[in-house]
Amino acid sequence: MPTREQLKVYFDLTKMYVSVNLATLDRRIRNVVVLAGQEIEIVIYPNGYWIFV
């Protein structure tokens, strides 16, 4: 289950004008991975921080 911080960041990212193709939770390390558009990959950490990969 994603944390509240991860959900906040995820919904903020969905407000961008790029389609989200896939969003999944890595259960081992609790990160949310989002694939959006053609080339955008974002990792959201449990504390709400995120990075482009």
PDB file of N, CA and C in Angstrom:
ATOM      1  N   MET A   1       0.840  -1.170   0.000  1.00  0.00           N
ATOM      2  CA  MET A   1       0.000   0.000   0.000  1.00  0.00           C
ATOM      3  C   MET A   1       0.894   1.244   0.000  1.00  0.00           C
ATOM      4  N   PRO A   2       0.660   2.166  -0.918  1.00  0.00           N
ATOM      5  CA  PRO A   2       1.457   3.400  -0.948  1.00  0.00           C
ATOM      6  C   PRO A   2       1.193   4.264   0.291  1.00  0.00           C
ATOM      7  N   THR A   3       2.183   5.060   0.654  1.00  0.00           N
ATOM      8  CA  THR A   3       2.026   5.983   1.778  1.00  0.00           C
ATOM      9  C   THR A   3       1.242   7.210   1.321  1.00  0.00           C
ATOM     10  N   ARG A   4       0.802   8.008   2.268  1.00  0.00           N
ATOM     11  CA  ARG A   4       0.075   9.238   1.929  1.00  0.00           C
ATOM     12  C   ARG A   4       0.933  10.186   1.110  1.00  0.00           C
ATOM     13  N   GLU A   5       2.203  10.274   1.479  1.00  0.00           N
ATOM     14  CA  GLU A   5       3.109  11.169   0.753  1.00  0.00           C
ATOM     15  C   GLU A   5       3.259  10.721  -0.701  1.00  0.00           C
ATOM     16  N   GLN A   6       3.364   9.412  -0.921  1.00  0.00           N
ATOM     17  CA  GLN A   6       3.486   8.909  -2.281  1.00  0.00           C
ATOM     18  C   GLN A   6       2.217   9.203  -3.084  1.00  0.00           C
ATOM     19  N   LEU A   7       1.061   9.043  -2.473  1.00  0.00           N
ATOM     20  CA  LEU A   7      -0.190   9.318  -3.175  1.00  0.00           C
ATOM     21  C   LEU A   7      -0.328  10.791  -3.530  1.00  0.00           C
ATOM     22  N   LYS A   8       0.094  11.679  -2.625  1.00  0.00           N
ATOM     23  CA  LYS A   8       0.032  13.109  -2.910  1.00  0.00           C
ATOM     24  C   LYS A   8       0.889  13.456  -4.128  1.00  0.00           C
ATOM     25  N   VAL A   9       2.110  12.933  -4.148  1.00  0.00           N
ATOM     26  CA  VAL A   9       3.020  13.204  -5.268  1.00  0.00           C
ATOM     27  C   VAL A   9       2.469  12.591  -6.551  1.00  0.00           C
ATOM     28  N   TYR A  10       1.937  11.385  -6.467  1.00  0.00           N
ATOM     29  CA  TYR A  10       1.394  10.722  -7.653  1.00  0.00           C
ATOM     30  C   TYR A  10       0.258  11.542  -8.269  1.00  0.00           C
ATOM     31  N   PHE A  11      -0.665  12.000  -7.461  1.00  0.00           N
ATOM     32  CA  PHE A  11      -1.781  12.768  -8.003  1.00  0.00           C
ATOM     33  C   PHE A  11      -1.341  14.138  -8.506  1.00  0.00           C
ATOM     34  N   ASP A  12      -0.301  14.704  -7.912  1.00  0.00           N
ATOM     35  CA  ASP A  12       0.247  15.948  -8.460  1.00  0.00           C
ATOM     36  C   ASP A  12       0.883  15.694  -9.826  1.00  0.00           C
ATOM     37  N   LEU A  13       1.539  14.554  -9.981  1.00  0.00           N
ATOM     38  CA  LEU A  13       2.156  14.228 -11.267  1.00  0.00           C
ATOM     39  C   LEU A  13       1.117  13.947 -12.341  1.00  0.00           C
ATOM     40  N   THR A  14      -0.040  13.410 -11.959  1.00  0.00           N
ATOM     41  CA  THR A  14      -1.067  13.124 -12.959  1.00  0.00           C
ATOM     42  C   THR A  14      -1.731  14.393 -13.467  1.00  0.00           C
ATOM     43  N   LYS A  15      -1.521  15.518 -12.795  1.00  0.00           N
ATOM     44  CA  LYS A  15      -2.068  16.790 -13.266  1.00  0.00           C
ATOM     45  C   LYS A  15      -1.278  17.355 -14.441  1.00  0.00           C
ATOM     46  N   MET A  16      -0.079  16.814 -14.681  1.00  0.00           N
ATOM     47  CA  MET A  16       0.697  17.236 -15.839  1.00  0.00           C
ATOM     48  C   MET A  16      -0.014  16.740 -17.096  1.00  0.00           C
ATOM     49  N   TYR A  17       0.323  17.309 -18.238  1.00  0.00           N
ATOM     50  CA  TYR A  17      -0.342  16.952 -19.481  1.00  0.00           C
ATOM     51  C   TYR A  17       0.363  15.799 -20.190  1.00  0.00           C
ATOM     52  N   VAL A  18       0.734  14.785 -19.425  1.00  0.00           N
ATOM     53  CA  VAL A  18       1.372  13.590 -19.968  1.00  0.00           C
ATOM     54  C   VAL A  18       0.571  12.389 -19.475  1.00  0.00           C
ATOM     55  N   SER A  19       0.285  11.449 -20.354  1.00  0.00           N
ATOM     56  CA  SER A  19      -0.484  10.277 -19.940  1.00  0.00           C
ATOM     57  C   SER A  19       0.385   9.336 -19.104  1.00  0.00           C
ATOM     58  N   VAL A  20      -0.200   8.807 -18.055  1.00  0.00           N
ATOM     59  CA  VAL A  20       0.485   7.831 -17.208  1.00  0.00           C
ATOM     60  C   VAL A  20       0.191   6.462 -17.787  1.00  0.00           C
ATOM     61  N   ASN A  21       1.244   5.763 -18.233  1.00  0.00           N
ATOM     62  CA  ASN A  21       1.076   4.458 -18.853  1.00  0.00           C
ATOM     63  C   ASN A  21       1.063   3.330 -17.836  1.00  0.00           C
ATOM     64  N   LEU A  22       1.872   3.450 -16.782  1.00  0.00           N
ATOM     65  CA  LEU A  22       1.978   2.385 -15.800  1.00  0.00           C
ATOM     66  C   LEU A  22       2.405   2.979 -14.471  1.00  0.00           C
ATOM     67  N   ALA A  23       1.788   2.522 -13.406  1.00  0.00           N
ATOM     68  CA  ALA A  23       2.200   2.886 -12.057  1.00  0.00           C
ATOM     69  C   ALA A  23       2.161   1.619 -11.217  1.00  0.00           C
ATOM     70  N   THR A  24       3.250   1.326 -10.541  1.00  0.00           N
ATOM     71  CA  THR A  24       3.323   0.103  -9.754  1.00  0.00           C
ATOM     72  C   THR A  24       4.092   0.345  -8.460  1.00  0.00           C
ATOM     73  N   LEU A  25       3.845  -0.495  -7.477  1.00  0.00           N
ATOM     74  CA  LEU A  25       4.511  -0.418  -6.181  1.00  0.00           C
ATOM     75  C   LEU A  25       5.519  -1.544  -6.085  1.00  0.00           C
ATOM     76  N   ASP A  26       6.779  -1.205  -5.842  1.00  0.00           N
ATOM     77  CA  ASP A  26       7.810  -2.212  -5.596  1.00  0.00           C
ATOM     78  C   ASP A  26       7.687  -2.612  -4.128  1.00  0.00           C
ATOM     79  N   ARG A  27       7.144  -3.772  -3.871  1.00  0.00           N
ATOM     80  CA  ARG A  27       6.845  -4.194  -2.502  1.00  0.00           C
ATOM     81  C   ARG A  27       8.092  -4.445  -1.660  1.00  0.00           C
ATOM     82  N   ARG A  28       9.216  -4.732  -2.299  1.00  0.00           N
ATOM     83  CA  ARG A  28      10.433  -4.994  -1.530  1.00  0.00           C
ATOM     84  C   ARG A  28      10.966  -3.734  -0.865  1.00  0.00           C
ATOM     85  N   ILE A  29      11.037  -2.645  -1.635  1.00  0.00           N
ATOM     86  CA  ILE A  29      11.615  -1.413  -1.085  1.00  0.00           C
ATOM     87  C   ILE A  29      10.605  -0.290  -0.949  1.00  0.00           C
ATOM     88  N   ARG A  30       9.310  -0.586  -1.247  1.00  0.00           N
ATOM     89  CA  ARG A  30       8.185   0.322  -1.007  1.00  0.00           C
ATOM     90  C   ARG A  30       8.228   1.589  -1.857  1.00  0.00           C
ATOM     91  N   ASN A  31       8.838   1.541  -3.035  1.00  0.00           N
ATOM     92  CA  ASN A  31       8.861   2.680  -3.942  1.00  0.00           C
ATOM     93  C   ASN A  31       7.749   2.547  -4.966  1.00  0.00           C
ATOM     94  N   VAL A  32       7.160   3.659  -5.368  1.00  0.00           N
ATOM     95  CA  VAL A  32       6.196   3.683  -6.467  1.00  0.00           C
ATOM     96  C   VAL A  32       6.957   4.083  -7.727  1.00  0.00           C
ATOM     97  N   VAL A  33       6.781   3.292  -8.786  1.00  0.00           N
ATOM     98  CA  VAL A  33       7.435   3.565 -10.062  1.00  0.00           C
ATOM     99  C   VAL A  33       6.352   3.959 -11.054  1.00  0.00           C
ATOM    100  N   VAL A  34       6.548   5.103 -11.724  1.00  0.00           N
ATOM    101  CA  VAL A  34       5.566   5.630 -12.671  1.00  0.00           C
ATOM    102  C   VAL A  34       6.233   5.759 -14.034  1.00  0.00           C
ATOM    103  N   LEU A  35       5.603   5.170 -15.051  1.00  0.00           N
ATOM    104  CA  LEU A  35       6.034   5.339 -16.436  1.00  0.00           C
ATOM    105  C   LEU A  35       5.004   6.223 -17.113  1.00  0.00           C
ATOM    106  N   ALA A  36       5.467   7.347 -17.661  1.00  0.00           N
ATOM    107  CA  ALA A  36       4.546   8.312 -18.262  1.00  0.00           C
ATOM    108  C   ALA A  36       5.081   8.766 -19.609  1.00  0.00           C
ATOM    109  N   GLY A  37       4.165   9.053 -20.506  1.00  0.00           N
ATOM    110  CA  GLY A  37       4.562   9.544 -21.824  1.00  0.00           C
ATOM    111  C   GLY A  37       5.430   8.540 -22.558  1.00  0.00           C
ATOM    112  N   GLN A  38       6.344   9.047 -23.370  1.00  0.00           N
ATOM    113  CA  GLN A  38       7.231   8.194 -24.148  1.00  0.00           C
ATOM    114  C   GLN A  38       8.491   7.799 -23.384  1.00  0.00           C
ATOM    115  N   GLU A  39       9.038   8.727 -22.574  1.00  0.00           N
ATOM    116  CA  GLU A  39      10.359   8.487 -22.001  1.00  0.00           C
ATOM    117  C   GLU A  39      10.478   8.843 -20.524  1.00  0.00           C
ATOM    118  N   ILE A  40       9.396   9.132 -19.863  1.00  0.00           N
ATOM    119  CA  ILE A  40       9.482   9.611 -18.489  1.00  0.00           C
ATOM    120  C   ILE A  40       9.306   8.454 -17.517  1.00  0.00           C
ATOM    121  N   GLU A  41      10.283   8.287 -16.641  1.00  0.00           N
ATOM    122  CA  GLU A  41      10.202   7.297 -15.570  1.00  0.00           C
ATOM    123  C   GLU A  41      10.497   8.015 -14.254  1.00  0.00           C
ATOM    124  N   ILE A  42       9.588   7.890 -13.315  1.00  0.00           N
ATOM    125  CA  ILE A  42       9.701   8.578 -12.036  1.00  0.00           C
ATOM    126  C   ILE A  42       9.606   7.558 -10.914  1.00  0.00           C
ATOM    127  N   VAL A  43      10.476   7.688  -9.920  1.00  0.00           N
ATOM    128  CA  VAL A  43      10.436   6.841  -8.732  1.00  0.00           C
ATOM    129  C   VAL A  43      10.044   7.728  -7.561  1.00  0.00           C
ATOM    130  N   ILE A  44       9.009   7.305  -6.831  1.00  0.00           N
ATOM    131  CA  ILE A  44       8.538   8.048  -5.664  1.00  0.00           C
ATOM    132  C   ILE A  44       8.884   7.230  -4.425  1.00  0.00           C
ATOM    133  N   TYR A  45       9.704   7.799  -3.560  1.00  0.00           N
ATOM    134  CA  TYR A  45      10.117   7.125  -2.335  1.00  0.00           C
ATOM    135  C   TYR A  45       9.013   7.203  -1.275  1.00  0.00           C
ATOM    136  N   PRO A  46       9.037   6.334  -0.266  1.00  0.00           N
ATOM    137  CA  PRO A  46       7.993   6.337   0.761  1.00  0.00           C
ATOM    138  C   PRO A  46       7.844   7.660   1.507  1.00  0.00           C
ATOM    139  N   ASN A  47       8.903   8.461   1.576  1.00  0.00           N
ATOM    140  CA  ASN A  47       8.823   9.740   2.288  1.00  0.00           C
ATOM    141  C   ASN A  47       8.274  10.865   1.408  1.00  0.00           C
ATOM    142  N   GLY A  48       7.941  10.579   0.137  1.00  0.00           N
ATOM    143  CA  GLY A  48       7.354  11.566  -0.752  1.00  0.00           C
ATOM    144  C   GLY A  48       8.333  12.219  -1.701  1.00  0.00           C
ATOM    145  N   TYR A  49       9.622  12.018  -1.515  1.00  0.00           N
ATOM    146  CA  TYR A  49      10.593  12.561  -2.456  1.00  0.00           C
ATOM    147  C   TYR A  49      10.560  11.736  -3.736  1.00  0.00           C
ATOM    148  N   TRP A  50      10.852  12.363  -4.872  1.00  0.00           N
ATOM    149  CA  TRP A  50      10.815  11.650  -6.132  1.00  0.00           C
ATOM    150  C   TRP A  50      11.965  12.093  -7.012  1.00  0.00           C
ATOM    151  N   ILE A  51      12.324  11.230  -7.980  1.00  0.00           N
ATOM    152  CA  ILE A  51      13.397  11.527  -8.916  1.00  0.00           C
ATOM    153  C   ILE A  51      13.004  11.033 -10.306  1.00  0.00           C
ATOM    154  N   PHE A  52      13.575  11.668 -11.338  1.00  0.00           N
ATOM    155  CA  PHE A  52      13.498  11.150 -12.691  1.00  0.00           C
ATOM    156  C   PHE A  52      14.589  10.104 -12.840  1.00  0.00           C
ATOM    157  N   VAL A  53      14.276   9.040 -13.529  1.00  0.00           N
ATOM    158  CA  VAL A  53      15.287   7.990 -13.744  1.00  0.00           C
ATOM    159  C   VAL A  53      15.586   7.916 -15.223  1.00  0.00           C
TER     160      VAL A  53
END
